[in-house]
């Protein structure tokens, strides 16, 4: 009696919401989906505790109560009608309950969009019951994608020296070794030969050094051309996941 009353209240509350135009259709469908699960699982308890008749009547009442609430889905209404008729025509009460168990699972799946709408299979032979009657587990909430972690960026600094003397007004480039077309950082050395480059990602680098555009012509001649080419520069380093890194570069003319 309690289950019948609970079923009536449940269907009544959904019907009340269905009459409210302010309630979105998706919200109503979700209420129906959840209610089908809850009543189904109460029926499964009845079935597994030796009362298949109570399970059958409970599921039948639930499906009859839900049917008018899904007028926007005549295909599912027909699915319910066919399933109820199929169950009612079977002589075995436990088998009737099992047919409605499968019908509820099917209706929920179609409403959720997880299951393709196919006709309920006709019972031409014996129904193989999987006992105990399985319950419907609550739907898992959608997985929240973890926010992407920003890759650490590193500040690199140091001194550029040629034959033991600091070099000012030279351009220094850090080139990722797995993408030699990408110069990810550059700077111009100051009067003391110091440079600072910010926001470099960790990785392995080839370092290129050449005279800057405003440098004296003799400086361009003094720096060997090999230091300005990825294929020939002997200057390499690996930057780890640390906030700051220091690299001093010793250049030689011979």
C-alpha atoms as a PDB file:
ATOM      1  CA  UNK A   1       0.000   0.000   0.000  1.00  0.00           C
ATOM      2  CA  UNK A   2       2.828   2.360   0.850  1.00  0.00           C
ATOM      3  CA  UNK A   3       4.481   1.757  -2.528  1.00  0.00           C
ATOM      4  CA  UNK A   4       1.211   2.412  -4.362  1.00  0.00           C
ATOM      5  CA  UNK A   5       0.797   5.681  -2.462  1.00  0.00           C
ATOM      6  CA  UNK A   6       4.397   6.670  -3.162  1.00  0.00           C
ATOM      7  CA  UNK A   7       3.898   5.845  -6.839  1.00  0.00           C
ATOM      8  CA  UNK A   8       0.753   7.993  -6.991  1.00  0.00           C
ATOM      9  CA  UNK A   9       2.486  10.923  -5.323  1.00  0.00           C
ATOM     10  CA  UNK A  10       5.499  10.597  -7.580  1.00  0.00           C
ATOM     11  CA  UNK A  11       3.520  10.529 -10.797  1.00  0.00           C
ATOM     12  CA  UNK A  12       1.307  13.326  -9.496  1.00  0.00           C
ATOM     13  CA  UNK A  13       4.269  15.577  -8.770  1.00  0.00           C
ATOM     14  CA  UNK A  14       5.705  15.000 -12.244  1.00  0.00           C
ATOM     15  CA  UNK A  15       2.311  15.637 -13.841  1.00  0.00           C
ATOM     16  CA  UNK A  16       2.026  18.880 -11.882  1.00  0.00           C
ATOM     17  CA  UNK A  17       5.427  19.968 -13.156  1.00  0.00           C
ATOM     18  CA  UNK A  18       4.440  18.981 -16.701  1.00  0.00           C
ATOM     19  CA  UNK A  19       1.521  21.425 -16.571  1.00  0.00           C
ATOM     20  CA  UNK A  20       3.867  24.284 -15.703  1.00  0.00           C
ATOM     21  CA  UNK A  21       5.129  25.834 -18.965  1.00  0.00           C
ATOM     22  CA  UNK A  22       8.045  27.372 -17.071  1.00  0.00           C
ATOM     23  CA  UNK A  23       9.531  23.928 -16.394  1.00  0.00           C
ATOM     24  CA  UNK A  24      11.877  22.932 -19.263  1.00  0.00           C
ATOM     25  CA  UNK A  25      11.160  19.673 -21.060  1.00  0.00           C
ATOM     26  CA  UNK A  26      14.642  18.388 -20.265  1.00  0.00           C
ATOM     27  CA  UNK A  27      13.971  18.839 -16.530  1.00  0.00           C
ATOM     28  CA  UNK A  28      10.744  16.842 -16.781  1.00  0.00           C
ATOM     29  CA  UNK A  29      12.440  14.077 -18.736  1.00  0.00           C
ATOM     30  CA  UNK A  30      15.142  13.892 -16.070  1.00  0.00           C
ATOM     31  CA  UNK A  31      12.465  13.569 -13.363  1.00  0.00           C
ATOM     32  CA  UNK A  32      10.817  10.753 -15.305  1.00  0.00           C
ATOM     33  CA  UNK A  33      14.139   8.980 -15.861  1.00  0.00           C
ATOM     34  CA  UNK A  34      15.007   9.164 -12.150  1.00  0.00           C
ATOM     35  CA  UNK A  35      11.504   8.102 -11.074  1.00  0.00           C
ATOM     36  CA  UNK A  36      11.579   5.079 -13.372  1.00  0.00           C
ATOM     37  CA  UNK A  37      14.856   4.037 -11.767  1.00  0.00           C
ATOM     38  CA  UNK A  38      13.599   4.494  -8.195  1.00  0.00           C
ATOM     39  CA  UNK A  39      10.314   2.632  -8.681  1.00  0.00           C
ATOM     40  CA  UNK A  40      12.032  -0.075 -10.713  1.00  0.00           C
ATOM     41  CA  UNK A  41      14.473  -0.729  -7.888  1.00  0.00           C
ATOM     42  CA  UNK A  42      11.655  -1.006  -5.360  1.00  0.00           C
ATOM     43  CA  UNK A  43      10.039  -3.517  -7.667  1.00  0.00           C
ATOM     44  CA  UNK A  44      13.319  -5.409  -7.893  1.00  0.00           C
ATOM     45  CA  UNK A  45      13.334  -5.677  -4.078  1.00  0.00           C
ATOM     46  CA  UNK A  46       9.823  -7.151  -4.182  1.00  0.00           C
ATOM     47  CA  UNK A  47      10.788  -9.592  -6.905  1.00  0.00           C
ATOM     48  CA  UNK A  48      13.969 -10.729  -5.206  1.00  0.00           C
ATOM     49  CA  UNK A  49      12.152 -11.170  -1.902  1.00  0.00           C
ATOM     50  CA  UNK A  50       9.617 -13.560  -3.419  1.00  0.00           C
ATOM     51  CA  UNK A  51       6.858 -11.216  -4.593  1.00  0.00           C
ATOM     52  CA  UNK A  52       7.028 -11.110  -8.403  1.00  0.00           C
ATOM     53  CA  UNK A  53       3.338 -10.202  -8.553  1.00  0.00           C
ATOM     54  CA  UNK A  54       3.911  -7.080  -6.466  1.00  0.00           C
ATOM     55  CA  UNK A  55       6.862  -6.179  -8.691  1.00  0.00           C
ATOM     56  CA  UNK A  56       4.772  -6.630 -11.818  1.00  0.00           C
ATOM     57  CA  UNK A  57       1.922  -4.440 -10.568  1.00  0.00           C
ATOM     58  CA  UNK A  58       4.285  -1.745  -9.340  1.00  0.00           C
ATOM     59  CA  UNK A  59       6.153  -1.506 -12.645  1.00  0.00           C
ATOM     60  CA  UNK A  60       2.903  -1.657 -14.586  1.00  0.00           C
ATOM     61  CA  UNK A  61       1.469   1.209 -12.532  1.00  0.00           C
ATOM     62  CA  UNK A  62       4.613   3.256 -13.005  1.00  0.00           C
ATOM     63  CA  UNK A  63       4.635   2.811 -16.768  1.00  0.00           C
ATOM     64  CA  UNK A  64       0.924   3.621 -17.027  1.00  0.00           C
ATOM     65  CA  UNK A  65       1.496   6.736 -14.938  1.00  0.00           C
ATOM     66  CA  UNK A  66       4.464   7.880 -17.004  1.00  0.00           C
ATOM     67  CA  UNK A  67       2.876   7.258 -20.401  1.00  0.00           C
ATOM     68  CA  UNK A  68       0.671  10.408 -20.547  1.00  0.00           C
ATOM     69  CA  UNK A  69       3.585  12.549 -19.356  1.00  0.00           C
ATOM     70  CA  UNK A  70       5.626  11.862 -22.487  1.00  0.00           C
ATOM     71  CA  UNK A  71       3.150  13.030 -25.101  1.00  0.00           C
ATOM     72  CA  UNK A  72       6.049  14.674 -26.886  1.00  0.00           C
ATOM     73  CA  UNK A  73       7.470  11.191 -27.513  1.00  0.00           C
ATOM     74  CA  UNK A  74       4.723   9.100 -29.193  1.00  0.00           C
ATOM     75  CA  UNK A  75       7.407   6.584 -30.191  1.00  0.00           C
ATOM     76  CA  UNK A  76       8.148   5.838 -26.523  1.00  0.00           C
ATOM     77  CA  UNK A  77       4.419   5.752 -25.729  1.00  0.00           C
ATOM     78  CA  UNK A  78       4.043   3.033 -28.365  1.00  0.00           C
ATOM     79  CA  UNK A  79       7.035   1.203 -26.892  1.00  0.00           C
ATOM     80  CA  UNK A  80       5.290   1.225 -23.497  1.00  0.00           C
ATOM     81  CA  UNK A  81       1.983   0.062 -25.004  1.00  0.00           C
ATOM     82  CA  UNK A  82       3.630  -2.816 -26.854  1.00  0.00           C
ATOM     83  CA  UNK A  83       5.626  -3.864 -23.805  1.00  0.00           C
ATOM     84  CA  UNK A  84       2.633  -3.774 -21.470  1.00  0.00           C
ATOM     85  CA  UNK A  85       0.595  -5.823 -23.931  1.00  0.00           C
ATOM     86  CA  UNK A  86       3.392  -8.345 -24.318  1.00  0.00           C
ATOM     87  CA  UNK A  87       3.718  -8.732 -20.558  1.00  0.00           C
ATOM     88  CA  UNK A  88      -0.015  -8.992 -20.015  1.00  0.00           C
ATOM     89  CA  UNK A  89      -0.293 -11.793 -22.568  1.00  0.00           C
ATOM     90  CA  UNK A  90       2.312 -13.954 -20.841  1.00  0.00           C
ATOM     91  CA  UNK A  91       0.885 -16.627 -18.533  1.00  0.00           C
ATOM     92  CA  UNK A  92       3.733 -16.468 -15.984  1.00  0.00           C
ATOM     93  CA  UNK A  93       3.638 -13.633 -13.431  1.00  0.00           C
ATOM     94  CA  UNK A  94       7.413 -13.762 -12.790  1.00  0.00           C
ATOM     95  CA  UNK A  95       7.999 -13.570 -16.542  1.00  0.00           C
ATOM     96  CA  UNK A  96       5.584 -10.622 -16.772  1.00  0.00           C
ATOM     97  CA  UNK A  97       7.596  -8.817 -14.128  1.00  0.00           C
ATOM     98  CA  UNK A  98      10.822  -9.556 -15.978  1.00  0.00           C
ATOM     99  CA  UNK A  99       9.391  -8.236 -19.254  1.00  0.00           C
ATOM    100  CA  UNK A 100       8.466  -4.966 -17.531  1.00  0.00           C
ATOM    101  CA  UNK A 101      11.908  -4.809 -15.941  1.00  0.00           C
ATOM    102  CA  UNK A 102      13.425  -4.879 -19.420  1.00  0.00           C
ATOM    103  CA  UNK A 103      10.826  -2.383 -20.652  1.00  0.00           C
ATOM    104  CA  UNK A 104      11.678   0.154 -17.928  1.00  0.00           C
ATOM    105  CA  UNK A 105      15.392  -0.157 -18.720  1.00  0.00           C
ATOM    106  CA  UNK A 106      14.622   0.354 -22.415  1.00  0.00           C
ATOM    107  CA  UNK A 107      12.345   3.377 -21.853  1.00  0.00           C
ATOM    108  CA  UNK A 108      14.958   5.050 -19.640  1.00  0.00           C
ATOM    109  CA  UNK A 109      17.699   4.422 -22.178  1.00  0.00           C
ATOM    110  CA  UNK A 110      15.658   5.871 -25.055  1.00  0.00           C
ATOM    111  CA  UNK A 111      14.651   8.927 -23.016  1.00  0.00           C
ATOM    112  CA  UNK A 112      18.291   9.514 -22.107  1.00  0.00           C
ATOM    113  CA  UNK A 113      19.397   9.035 -25.713  1.00  0.00           C
ATOM    114  CA  UNK A 114      21.664   6.120 -24.803  1.00  0.00           C
ATOM    115  CA  UNK A 115      19.604   3.403 -26.503  1.00  0.00           C
ATOM    116  CA  UNK A 116      18.252   3.173 -30.034  1.00  0.00           C
ATOM    117  CA  UNK A 117      14.487   2.819 -30.221  1.00  0.00           C
ATOM    118  CA  UNK A 118      13.750  -0.672 -31.530  1.00  0.00           C
ATOM    119  CA  UNK A 119      10.537  -2.613 -31.001  1.00  0.00           C
ATOM    120  CA  UNK A 120      10.422  -4.750 -27.875  1.00  0.00           C
ATOM    121  CA  UNK A 121      11.298  -8.312 -28.907  1.00  0.00           C
ATOM    122  CA  UNK A 122       8.353 -10.670 -29.045  1.00  0.00           C
ATOM    123  CA  UNK A 123       8.383 -13.469 -26.505  1.00  0.00           C
ATOM    124  CA  UNK A 124       8.311 -16.429 -28.829  1.00  0.00           C
ATOM    125  CA  UNK A 125      10.004 -18.822 -26.412  1.00  0.00           C
ATOM    126  CA  UNK A 126      11.027 -19.029 -22.797  1.00  0.00           C
ATOM    127  CA  UNK A 127      12.340 -15.857 -21.169  1.00  0.00           C
ATOM    128  CA  UNK A 128      15.713 -16.333 -19.559  1.00  0.00           C
ATOM    129  CA  UNK A 129      15.514 -14.533 -16.245  1.00  0.00           C
ATOM    130  CA  UNK A 130      18.719 -13.265 -14.693  1.00  0.00           C
ATOM    131  CA  UNK A 131      18.179 -13.638 -10.984  1.00  0.00           C
ATOM    132  CA  UNK A 132      18.229 -11.769  -8.776  1.00  0.00           C
ATOM    133  CA  UNK A 133      16.451  -9.093 -10.777  1.00  0.00           C
ATOM    134  CA  UNK A 134      19.181  -6.493 -11.382  1.00  0.00           C
ATOM    135  CA  UNK A 135      18.716  -2.973 -10.107  1.00  0.00           C
ATOM    136  CA  UNK A 136      19.352   0.173 -12.101  1.00  0.00           C
ATOM    137  CA  UNK A 137      22.360   1.994 -10.737  1.00  0.00           C
ATOM    138  CA  UNK A 138      22.185   5.788 -10.390  1.00  0.00           C
ATOM    139  CA  UNK A 139      23.498   7.680 -13.361  1.00  0.00           C
ATOM    140  CA  UNK A 140      27.065   8.805 -12.884  1.00  0.00           C
ATOM    141  CA  UNK A 141      27.505  12.561 -13.068  1.00  0.00           C
ATOM    142  CA  UNK A 142      29.417  13.688 -16.134  1.00  0.00           C
ATOM    143  CA  UNK A 143      33.115  13.767 -15.527  1.00  0.00           C
ATOM    144  CA  UNK A 144      34.474  17.212 -15.076  1.00  0.00           C
ATOM    145  CA  UNK A 145      37.483  17.775 -17.234  1.00  0.00           C
ATOM    146  CA  UNK A 146      40.392  18.809 -15.132  1.00  0.00           C
ATOM    147  CA  UNK A 147      41.610  22.289 -15.881  1.00  0.00           C
ATOM    148  CA  UNK A 148      44.735  22.208 -17.950  1.00  0.00           C
ATOM    149  CA  UNK A 149      47.776  23.012 -15.922  1.00  0.00           C
ATOM    150  CA  UNK A 150      49.819  25.827 -17.312  1.00  0.00           C
ATOM    151  CA  UNK A 151      53.249  24.578 -18.274  1.00  0.00           C
ATOM    152  CA  UNK A 152      55.969  26.097 -16.144  1.00  0.00           C
ATOM    153  CA  UNK A 153      57.809  28.991 -17.719  1.00  0.00           C
ATOM    154  CA  UNK A 154      61.426  29.636 -16.887  1.00  0.00           C
ATOM    155  CA  UNK A 155      63.494  32.812 -16.742  1.00  0.00           C
ATOM    156  CA  UNK A 156      66.978  32.273 -18.147  1.00  0.00           C
ATOM    157  CA  UNK A 157      69.941  34.560 -17.702  1.00  0.00           C
ATOM    158  CA  UNK A 158      73.717  34.639 -17.874  1.00  0.00           C
ATOM    159  CA  UNK A 159      76.732  36.232 -19.523  1.00  0.00           C
ATOM    160  CA  UNK A 160      78.100  35.931 -23.069  1.00  0.00           C
ATOM    161  CA  UNK A 161      81.908  36.037 -23.234  1.00  0.00           C
ATOM    162  CA  UNK A 162      84.252  35.991 -26.255  1.00  0.00           C
ATOM    163  CA  UNK A 163      87.861  35.025 -25.576  1.00  0.00           C
ATOM    164  CA  UNK A 164      87.364  35.854 -21.900  1.00  0.00           C
ATOM    165  CA  UNK A 165      85.760  39.286 -22.470  1.00  0.00           C
ATOM    166  CA  UNK A 166      82.044  40.074 -22.000  1.00  0.00           C
ATOM    167  CA  UNK A 167      80.239  40.756 -25.274  1.00  0.00           C
ATOM    168  CA  UNK A 168      77.733  43.600 -25.402  1.00  0.00           C
ATOM    169  CA  UNK A 169      75.157  44.230 -28.152  1.00  0.00           C
ATOM    170  CA  UNK A 170      74.991  40.619 -29.288  1.00  0.00           C
ATOM    171  CA  UNK A 171      71.761  38.783 -30.014  1.00  0.00           C
ATOM    172  CA  UNK A 172      71.181  35.465 -28.274  1.00  0.00           C
ATOM    173  CA  UNK A 173      68.448  33.023 -29.342  1.00  0.00           C
ATOM    174  CA  UNK A 174      67.154  29.872 -27.665  1.00  0.00           C
ATOM    175  CA  UNK A 175      65.856  27.350 -30.230  1.00  0.00           C
ATOM    176  CA  UNK A 176      63.918  24.249 -29.171  1.00  0.00           C
ATOM    177  CA  UNK A 177      65.791  21.232 -30.470  1.00  0.00           C
ATOM    178  CA  UNK A 178      62.579  19.347 -31.354  1.00  0.00           C
ATOM    179  CA  UNK A 179      61.403  22.307 -33.445  1.00  0.00           C
ATOM    180  CA  UNK A 180      64.373  24.013 -35.016  1.00  0.00           C
ATOM    181  CA  UNK A 181      62.163  26.493 -36.842  1.00  0.00           C
ATOM    182  CA  UNK A 182      60.926  27.912 -33.548  1.00  0.00           C
ATOM    183  CA  UNK A 183      63.015  30.506 -31.805  1.00  0.00           C
ATOM    184  CA  UNK A 184      61.155  30.692 -28.523  1.00  0.00           C
ATOM    185  CA  UNK A 185      63.285  33.318 -26.801  1.00  0.00           C
ATOM    186  CA  UNK A 186      65.787  36.018 -27.587  1.00  0.00           C
ATOM    187  CA  UNK A 187      67.574  38.942 -25.979  1.00  0.00           C
ATOM    188  CA  UNK A 188      70.336  41.502 -26.539  1.00  0.00           C
ATOM    189  CA  UNK A 189      73.250  41.552 -24.107  1.00  0.00           C
ATOM    190  CA  UNK A 190      73.914  44.701 -22.112  1.00  0.00           C
ATOM    191  CA  UNK A 191      77.224  46.540 -21.608  1.00  0.00           C
ATOM    192  CA  UNK A 192      78.411  43.777 -19.233  1.00  0.00           C
ATOM    193  CA  UNK A 193      77.498  40.987 -21.616  1.00  0.00           C
ATOM    194  CA  UNK A 194      74.472  39.965 -19.507  1.00  0.00           C
ATOM    195  CA  UNK A 195      71.168  38.767 -20.934  1.00  0.00           C
ATOM    196  CA  UNK A 196      67.762  37.774 -19.561  1.00  0.00           C
ATOM    197  CA  UNK A 197      65.042  35.834 -21.356  1.00  0.00           C
ATOM    198  CA  UNK A 198      61.666  35.196 -19.731  1.00  0.00           C
ATOM    199  CA  UNK A 199      58.898  32.650 -20.266  1.00  0.00           C
ATOM    200  CA  UNK A 200      60.888  29.808 -21.788  1.00  0.00           C
ATOM    201  CA  UNK A 201      59.231  26.378 -21.575  1.00  0.00           C
ATOM    202  CA  UNK A 202      61.309  23.503 -20.194  1.00  0.00           C
ATOM    203  CA  UNK A 203      63.126  21.546 -22.884  1.00  0.00           C
ATOM    204  CA  UNK A 204      66.357  20.989 -24.766  1.00  0.00           C
ATOM    205  CA  UNK A 205      67.743  23.965 -26.642  1.00  0.00           C
ATOM    206  CA  UNK A 206      70.351  24.968 -29.153  1.00  0.00           C
ATOM    207  CA  UNK A 207      71.642  28.483 -28.478  1.00  0.00           C
ATOM    208  CA  UNK A 208      72.552  30.879 -31.303  1.00  0.00           C
ATOM    209  CA  UNK A 209      74.658  34.002 -30.875  1.00  0.00           C
ATOM    210  CA  UNK A 210      75.363  36.733 -33.411  1.00  0.00           C
ATOM    211  CA  UNK A 211      75.977  40.450 -33.574  1.00  0.00           C
ATOM    212  CA  UNK A 212      72.808  42.494 -33.192  1.00  0.00           C
ATOM    213  CA  UNK A 213      71.601  44.885 -35.879  1.00  0.00           C
ATOM    214  CA  UNK A 214      73.096  47.909 -34.129  1.00  0.00           C
ATOM    215  CA  UNK A 215      76.427  46.339 -33.226  1.00  0.00           C
ATOM    216  CA  UNK A 216      79.714  47.639 -34.659  1.00  0.00           C
ATOM    217  CA  UNK A 217      80.821  45.872 -37.882  1.00  0.00           C
ATOM    218  CA  UNK A 218      83.985  44.580 -36.210  1.00  0.00           C
ATOM    219  CA  UNK A 219      81.846  42.656 -33.686  1.00  0.00           C
ATOM    220  CA  UNK A 220      80.061  40.784 -36.479  1.00  0.00           C
ATOM    221  CA  UNK A 221      83.458  39.811 -37.887  1.00  0.00           C
ATOM    222  CA  UNK A 222      84.752  38.738 -34.474  1.00  0.00           C
ATOM    223  CA  UNK A 223      81.983  36.216 -33.733  1.00  0.00           C
ATOM    224  CA  UNK A 224      82.466  32.970 -35.694  1.00  0.00           C
ATOM    225  CA  UNK A 225      79.545  32.257 -38.058  1.00  0.00           C
ATOM    226  CA  UNK A 226      79.163  28.757 -36.600  1.00  0.00           C
ATOM    227  CA  UNK A 227      77.492  30.230 -33.502  1.00  0.00           C
ATOM    228  CA  UNK A 228      74.648  31.614 -35.641  1.00  0.00           C
ATOM    229  CA  UNK A 229      73.482  28.324 -37.222  1.00  0.00           C
ATOM    230  CA  UNK A 230      71.470  25.524 -35.619  1.00  0.00           C
ATOM    231  CA  UNK A 231      73.444  22.917 -37.547  1.00  0.00           C
ATOM    232  CA  UNK A 232      76.832  24.166 -36.358  1.00  0.00           C
ATOM    233  CA  UNK A 233      76.349  25.897 -33.009  1.00  0.00           C
ATOM    234  CA  UNK A 234      78.078  23.959 -30.217  1.00  0.00           C
ATOM    235  CA  UNK A 235      76.008  25.759 -27.570  1.00  0.00           C
ATOM    236  CA  UNK A 236      73.270  23.549 -26.118  1.00  0.00           C
ATOM    237  CA  UNK A 237      71.438  23.345 -22.825  1.00  0.00           C
ATOM    238  CA  UNK A 238      68.502  21.693 -21.146  1.00  0.00           C
ATOM    239  CA  UNK A 239      66.055  23.756 -19.119  1.00  0.00           C
ATOM    240  CA  UNK A 240      64.233  21.904 -16.364  1.00  0.00           C
ATOM    241  CA  UNK A 241      61.041  22.734 -14.479  1.00  0.00           C
ATOM    242  CA  UNK A 242      62.593  25.422 -12.305  1.00  0.00           C
ATOM    243  CA  UNK A 243      61.665  29.096 -11.946  1.00  0.00           C
ATOM    244  CA  UNK A 244      65.101  30.388 -12.979  1.00  0.00           C
ATOM    245  CA  UNK A 245      68.193  29.024 -14.725  1.00  0.00           C
ATOM    246  CA  UNK A 246      71.639  30.479 -15.373  1.00  0.00           C
ATOM    247  CA  UNK A 247      73.723  29.755 -18.465  1.00  0.00           C
ATOM    248  CA  UNK A 248      77.007  31.532 -19.235  1.00  0.00           C
ATOM    249  CA  UNK A 249      78.338  31.135 -22.763  1.00  0.00           C
ATOM    250  CA  UNK A 250      82.057  31.091 -23.532  1.00  0.00           C
ATOM    251  CA  UNK A 251      82.733  31.819 -27.197  1.00  0.00           C
ATOM    252  CA  UNK A 252      86.066  31.318 -28.903  1.00  0.00           C
ATOM    253  CA  UNK A 253      87.434  32.555 -32.195  1.00  0.00           C
ATOM    254  CA  UNK A 254      89.647  29.535 -32.751  1.00  0.00           C
END
